[in-house]
Amino acid sequence: MPVKHDLLQDLGLTKEAVSKCRSENAHLNQLFIQYNEKDAEVVEAEAQEAIGVSDEVLKKLKEQRLLIKDKIAKLLNV
């Protein structure tokens, strides 16, 4: 069963630290929103892979999610 990606664990940050940064930086907050939306798309695609979602589509979604993660990491200096 597909599960959401734990971005905070990947970044090595606490929920509290990220919440503070998000409240102080609207662009960062928007990136987190985009990341969560893209992650939900990946999870949905993984769940539907057996019923017709191609590997190429799944790969593209994961690449898009990674690009957003990289932008977040850059803004947080991690």
C-alpha atoms as a PDB file:
ATOM      1  CA  MET A   1       0.000   0.000   0.000  1.00  0.00           C
ATOM      2  CA  PRO A   2       1.461   3.382  -1.012  1.00  0.00           C
ATOM      3  CA  VAL A   3       2.220   5.862   1.767  1.00  0.00           C
ATOM      4  CA  LYS A   4       2.917   9.588   1.901  1.00  0.00           C
ATOM      5  CA  HIS A   5       6.555  10.627   1.724  1.00  0.00           C
ATOM      6  CA  ASP A   6       7.895  12.020   5.034  1.00  0.00           C
ATOM      7  CA  LEU A   7       9.495  15.252   3.870  1.00  0.00           C
ATOM      8  CA  LEU A   8      10.363  16.507   7.352  1.00  0.00           C
ATOM      9  CA  GLN A   9      12.282  13.341   8.136  1.00  0.00           C
ATOM     10  CA  ASP A  10      14.130  13.639   4.817  1.00  0.00           C
ATOM     11  CA  LEU A  11      15.087  17.214   5.630  1.00  0.00           C
ATOM     12  CA  GLY A  12      16.000  16.363   9.213  1.00  0.00           C
ATOM     13  CA  LEU A  13      13.742  19.070  10.611  1.00  0.00           C
ATOM     14  CA  THR A  14      11.040  19.182  13.257  1.00  0.00           C
ATOM     15  CA  LYS A  15       7.444  20.069  12.544  1.00  0.00           C
ATOM     16  CA  GLU A  16       7.757  23.073  14.865  1.00  0.00           C
ATOM     17  CA  ALA A  17      10.825  24.475  13.084  1.00  0.00           C
ATOM     18  CA  VAL A  18       9.201  24.097   9.683  1.00  0.00           C
ATOM     19  CA  SER A  19       5.925  25.628  10.875  1.00  0.00           C
ATOM     20  CA  LYS A  20       7.815  28.689  12.094  1.00  0.00           C
ATOM     21  CA  CYS A  21       9.652  29.056   8.778  1.00  0.00           C
ATOM     22  CA  ARG A  22       6.452  28.574   6.796  1.00  0.00           C
ATOM     23  CA  SER A  23       4.662  31.270   8.791  1.00  0.00           C
ATOM     24  CA  GLU A  24       7.507  33.710   8.079  1.00  0.00           C
ATOM     25  CA  ASN A  25       7.917  32.939   4.365  1.00  0.00           C
ATOM     26  CA  ALA A  26       4.884  32.849   2.071  1.00  0.00           C
ATOM     27  CA  HIS A  27       6.897  31.402  -0.834  1.00  0.00           C
ATOM     28  CA  LEU A  28       8.164  28.553   1.337  1.00  0.00           C
ATOM     29  CA  ASN A  29       4.629  27.907   2.550  1.00  0.00           C
ATOM     30  CA  GLN A  30       3.407  27.730  -1.060  1.00  0.00           C
ATOM     31  CA  LEU A  31       6.158  25.252  -1.917  1.00  0.00           C
ATOM     32  CA  PHE A  32       5.073  23.008   0.957  1.00  0.00           C
ATOM     33  CA  ILE A  33       1.490  23.161  -0.319  1.00  0.00           C
ATOM     34  CA  GLN A  34       2.689  22.232  -3.820  1.00  0.00           C
ATOM     35  CA  TYR A  35       4.836  19.434  -2.410  1.00  0.00           C
ATOM     36  CA  ASN A  36       1.930  17.942  -0.466  1.00  0.00           C
ATOM     37  CA  GLU A  37      -0.325  18.119  -3.527  1.00  0.00           C
ATOM     38  CA  LYS A  38       2.307  16.439  -5.720  1.00  0.00           C
ATOM     39  CA  ASP A  39       2.955  13.810  -3.049  1.00  0.00           C
ATOM     40  CA  ALA A  40      -0.767  13.009  -2.975  1.00  0.00           C
ATOM     41  CA  GLU A  41      -0.665  12.573  -6.769  1.00  0.00           C
ATOM     42  CA  VAL A  42       2.286  10.182  -6.438  1.00  0.00           C
ATOM     43  CA  VAL A  43       0.505   8.135  -3.766  1.00  0.00           C
ATOM     44  CA  GLU A  44      -2.631   7.969  -5.909  1.00  0.00           C
ATOM     45  CA  ALA A  45      -0.636   6.959  -8.986  1.00  0.00           C
ATOM     46  CA  GLU A  46       1.184   4.248  -7.020  1.00  0.00           C
ATOM     47  CA  ALA A  47      -2.147   2.908  -5.794  1.00  0.00           C
ATOM     48  CA  GLN A  48      -3.497   2.815  -9.342  1.00  0.00           C
ATOM     49  CA  GLU A  49      -0.328   1.484 -10.967  1.00  0.00           C
ATOM     50  CA  ALA A  50      -1.848  -1.978 -11.206  1.00  0.00           C
ATOM     51  CA  ILE A  51      -4.854  -0.597 -13.081  1.00  0.00           C
ATOM     52  CA  GLY A  52      -3.166   1.409 -15.784  1.00  0.00           C
ATOM     53  CA  VAL A  53      -0.846   4.140 -14.520  1.00  0.00           C
ATOM     54  CA  SER A  54       2.360   3.700 -16.472  1.00  0.00           C
ATOM     55  CA  ASP A  55       5.822   3.634 -14.949  1.00  0.00           C
ATOM     56  CA  GLU A  56       6.669   6.695 -17.036  1.00  0.00           C
ATOM     57  CA  VAL A  57       3.805   8.724 -15.537  1.00  0.00           C
ATOM     58  CA  LEU A  58       4.804   7.672 -12.033  1.00  0.00           C
ATOM     59  CA  LYS A  59       8.450   8.536 -12.713  1.00  0.00           C
ATOM     60  CA  LYS A  60       7.473  11.994 -13.998  1.00  0.00           C
ATOM     61  CA  LEU A  61       5.373  12.696 -10.900  1.00  0.00           C
ATOM     62  CA  LYS A  62       8.230  11.656  -8.622  1.00  0.00           C
ATOM     63  CA  GLU A  63      10.645  13.895 -10.544  1.00  0.00           C
ATOM     64  CA  GLN A  64       8.279  16.845 -10.144  1.00  0.00           C
ATOM     65  CA  ARG A  65       7.964  16.136  -6.416  1.00  0.00           C
ATOM     66  CA  LEU A  66      11.757  15.994  -6.095  1.00  0.00           C
ATOM     67  CA  LEU A  67      12.164  19.366  -7.815  1.00  0.00           C
ATOM     68  CA  ILE A  68       9.802  20.940  -5.292  1.00  0.00           C
ATOM     69  CA  LYS A  69      11.649  19.234  -2.429  1.00  0.00           C
ATOM     70  CA  ASP A  70      14.945  20.632  -3.708  1.00  0.00           C
ATOM     71  CA  LYS A  71      13.500  24.160  -3.761  1.00  0.00           C
ATOM     72  CA  ILE A  72      12.271  23.717  -0.180  1.00  0.00           C
ATOM     73  CA  ALA A  73      15.638  22.396   0.974  1.00  0.00           C
ATOM     74  CA  LYS A  74      17.404  25.327  -0.666  1.00  0.00           C
ATOM     75  CA  LEU A  75      15.165  27.860   1.083  1.00  0.00           C
ATOM     76  CA  LEU A  76      15.689  26.104   4.421  1.00  0.00           C
ATOM     77  CA  ASN A  77      19.450  25.802   3.851  1.00  0.00           C
ATOM     78  CA  VAL A  78      19.510  22.037   4.438  1.00  0.00           C
END
